[in-house]
Amino acid sequence: QVQLVESGGGLVQAGGSLRLSCAASGRTISNYAAAWFRQTPGKERDFVAGISWRSGNLYYRNSVKGRFMMSRDTAKNSVYLQMFNLKPEDTGVYYCAADQFLPIGESTGRRSSEYEYWGQGTQVTVSS
């Protein structure tokens, strides 16, 4: 079993920055795909960013490219999401997700149903 705990959410003005952290425990996640999803009330969880367990390649949804940066620290068994130039439409609950050996690419690893492990979520609110 893998436990994921997110932190770093909060309230920020448009144009501001936040850094989300996701600490994993239970198992090392070096061979786990990891991703960040975002959810707003009444909607499904949307893929925001992901990192391939095999190549370390990063993938982002189009609306956050150039503003968000995901990273992984295998020594700390953690992944991060650095968010710059935040916009009100970035508001939502951000979830960290992981799945062992899941391939992530331009068309794979982008559905919430593909991930087995989830954190509890952290709220990000961007005011205009």
Foldseek 3Di string as FASTA:
>chain_A
DKAKAKDWADEEAAQAKIKMKIFIDDDQQLQKKKFKWFDDPPDFTWTAKIAHSPPRDIDGDPVQPPFWDKDDDSVRSMIMIIGGRDDQVRWGWMKMFIDGNFGDDPPGPTHPVVTDYIYPTDTHGYHD
